C-alpha atoms as a PDB file:
ATOM      1  CA  ARG A   1      99.148  13.031 165.410  1.00  0.00           C
ATOM      2  CA  ASP A   2     101.160  15.819 167.044  1.00  0.00           C
ATOM      3  CA  PRO A   3      98.290  17.212 169.152  1.00  0.00           C
ATOM      4  CA  PHE A   4      98.446  20.831 170.297  1.00  0.00           C
ATOM      5  CA  PHE A   5      95.934  22.106 172.876  1.00  0.00           C
ATOM      6  CA  PHE A   6      94.884  25.738 172.391  1.00  0.00           C
ATOM      7  CA  ARG A   7      92.557  27.921 174.463  1.00  0.00           C
ATOM      8  CA  ASP A   8      91.322  30.830 172.357  1.00  0.00           C
ATOM      9  CA  PRO A   9      91.777  33.990 174.435  1.00  0.00           C
ATOM     10  CA  ALA A  10      89.013  35.770 172.502  1.00  0.00           C
ATOM     11  CA  SER A  11      86.279  33.156 173.023  1.00  0.00           C
ATOM     12  CA  GLY A  12      87.617  31.037 175.892  1.00  0.00           C
ATOM     13  CA  LYS A  13      86.906  27.906 173.812  1.00  0.00           C
ATOM     14  CA  ASP A  14      89.334  24.974 173.795  1.00  0.00           C
ATOM     15  CA  TYR A  15      90.695  23.474 170.587  1.00  0.00           C
ATOM     16  CA  LEU A  16      92.993  20.652 169.639  1.00  0.00           C
ATOM     17  CA  LEU A  17      95.147  21.037 166.535  1.00  0.00           C
ATOM     18  CA  PHE A  18      96.830  18.029 164.960  1.00  0.00           C
ATOM     19  CA  SER A  19      98.669  16.807 161.870  1.00  0.00           C
ATOM     20  CA  CYS A  20      96.513  14.973 159.337  1.00  0.00           C
ATOM     21  CA  ARG A  21      96.080  14.278 155.633  1.00  0.00           C
ATOM     22  CA  ASP A  22      93.312  14.992 153.128  1.00  0.00           C
ATOM     23  CA  ALA A  23      92.547  11.681 151.410  1.00  0.00           C
ATOM     24  CA  THR A  24      90.895  13.477 148.463  1.00  0.00           C
ATOM     25  CA  ARG A  25      94.165  15.170 147.416  1.00  0.00           C
ATOM     26  CA  PRO A  26      97.308  13.690 145.797  1.00  0.00           C
ATOM     27  CA  ARG A  27      99.529  12.081 148.443  1.00  0.00           C
ATOM     28  CA  ALA A  28     102.455  14.349 147.604  1.00  0.00           C
ATOM     29  CA  PHE A  29     100.414  17.396 148.619  1.00  0.00           C
ATOM     30  CA  ASN A  30      97.772  16.253 151.091  1.00  0.00           C
ATOM     31  CA  GLY A  31      99.157  17.560 154.387  1.00  0.00           C
ATOM     32  CA  CYS A  32      96.697  19.393 156.652  1.00  0.00           C
ATOM     33  CA  VAL A  33      96.381  20.918 160.090  1.00  0.00           C
ATOM     34  CA  GLY A  34      93.229  19.426 161.575  1.00  0.00           C
ATOM     35  CA  ALA A  35      91.137  20.940 164.345  1.00  0.00           C
ATOM     36  CA  ALA A  36      88.620  19.829 166.947  1.00  0.00           C
ATOM     37  CA  GLU A  37      86.601  21.869 169.461  1.00  0.00           C
ATOM     38  CA  ARG A  38      86.092  20.691 173.041  1.00  0.00           C
ATOM     39  CA  HIS A  39      82.640  20.479 174.610  1.00  0.00           C
ATOM     40  CA  GLY A  40      82.153  19.913 178.314  1.00  0.00           C
ATOM     41  CA  ALA A  41      84.677  19.986 181.107  1.00  0.00           C
ATOM     42  CA  ASP A  42      85.953  16.408 181.061  1.00  0.00           C
ATOM     43  CA  PHE A  43      88.110  16.468 177.889  1.00  0.00           C
ATOM     44  CA  ALA A  44      86.107  13.541 176.515  1.00  0.00           C
ATOM     45  CA  GLN A  45      83.723  15.422 174.199  1.00  0.00           C
ATOM     46  CA  TRP A  46      85.147  16.888 170.996  1.00  0.00           C
ATOM     47  CA  SER A  47      83.695  17.939 167.645  1.00  0.00           C
ATOM     48  CA  LEU A  48      85.820  17.555 164.550  1.00  0.00           C
ATOM     49  CA  LEU A  49      86.060  20.818 162.567  1.00  0.00           C
ATOM     50  CA  PRO A  50      87.099  21.411 158.952  1.00  0.00           C
ATOM     51  CA  PRO A  51      90.883  21.519 158.526  1.00  0.00           C
ATOM     52  CA  LEU A  52      92.427  24.733 159.792  1.00  0.00           C
ATOM     53  CA  LEU A  53      94.874  24.661 156.893  1.00  0.00           C
ATOM     54  CA  VAL A  54      95.211  22.483 153.765  1.00  0.00           C
ATOM     55  CA  SER A  55      98.622  22.419 152.073  1.00  0.00           C
ATOM     56  CA  ASP A  56      97.328  23.702 148.696  1.00  0.00           C
ATOM     57  CA  ASP A  57      99.937  21.800 146.676  1.00  0.00           C
ATOM     58  CA  VAL A  58     102.802  22.666 149.030  1.00  0.00           C
ATOM     59  CA  ALA A  59     103.479  19.876 151.540  1.00  0.00           C
ATOM     60  CA  ALA A  60     102.972  16.179 152.064  1.00  0.00           C
ATOM     61  CA  GLU A  61     102.989  16.665 155.837  1.00  0.00           C
ATOM     62  CA  MET A  62     102.287  19.617 158.127  1.00  0.00           C
ATOM     63  CA  GLU A  63     103.619  18.426 161.479  1.00  0.00           C
ATOM     64  CA  VAL A  64     103.738  19.736 165.063  1.00  0.00           C
ATOM     65  CA  PRO A  65     101.242  22.612 164.674  1.00  0.00           C
ATOM     66  CA  HIS A  66     101.313  25.484 167.170  1.00  0.00           C
ATOM     67  CA  LEU A  67      98.900  28.410 167.251  1.00  0.00           C
ATOM     68  CA  LEU A  68      99.980  31.549 169.077  1.00  0.00           C
ATOM     69  CA  THR A  69      98.264  34.891 169.571  1.00  0.00           C
ATOM     70  CA  ASP A  70      99.778  38.351 169.747  1.00  0.00           C
ATOM     71  CA  GLY A  71      97.732  41.524 170.003  1.00  0.00           C
ATOM     72  CA  GLY A  72      94.593  39.838 168.672  1.00  0.00           C
ATOM     73  CA  GLU A  73      96.408  38.276 165.710  1.00  0.00           C
ATOM     74  CA  TYR A  74      96.707  34.501 165.301  1.00  0.00           C
ATOM     75  CA  HIS A  75      99.945  32.899 164.065  1.00  0.00           C
ATOM     76  CA  LEU A  76     100.029  29.266 162.955  1.00  0.00           C
ATOM     77  CA  TYR A  77     103.409  27.499 162.925  1.00  0.00           C
ATOM     78  CA  PHE A  78     104.198  23.965 161.743  1.00  0.00           C
ATOM     79  CA  ASN A  79     106.964  21.862 160.237  1.00  0.00           C
ATOM     80  CA  ALA A  80     106.441  20.976 156.585  1.00  0.00           C
ATOM     81  CA  ARG A  81     107.829  18.043 154.650  1.00  0.00           C
ATOM     82  CA  ASN A  82     107.637  17.688 150.907  1.00  0.00           C
ATOM     83  CA  ALA A  83     107.122  14.272 149.415  1.00  0.00           C
ATOM     84  CA  THR A  84     109.312  12.818 146.703  1.00  0.00           C
ATOM     85  CA  LEU A  85     107.405  13.203 143.472  1.00  0.00           C
ATOM     86  CA  ASN A  86     107.715   9.867 141.662  1.00  0.00           C
END
């Protein structure tokens, strides 16, 4: 969910970032920022990539990702929510 379209200024490639979860990790810490790369010009062909970021025992959700560039540097922003540890 929370798709964010990003055109990489360095390569010209198009990417879609989104909120997701890693089912192999504990639910309290399985938030991820997923990524897909676009192929073709019709927005119908995408390849799923490995997660751009895995929470690493920090967040249950990593929502509303945004990737910005500044002077050749990439900055990833997202909202994080911690799960209740029961």
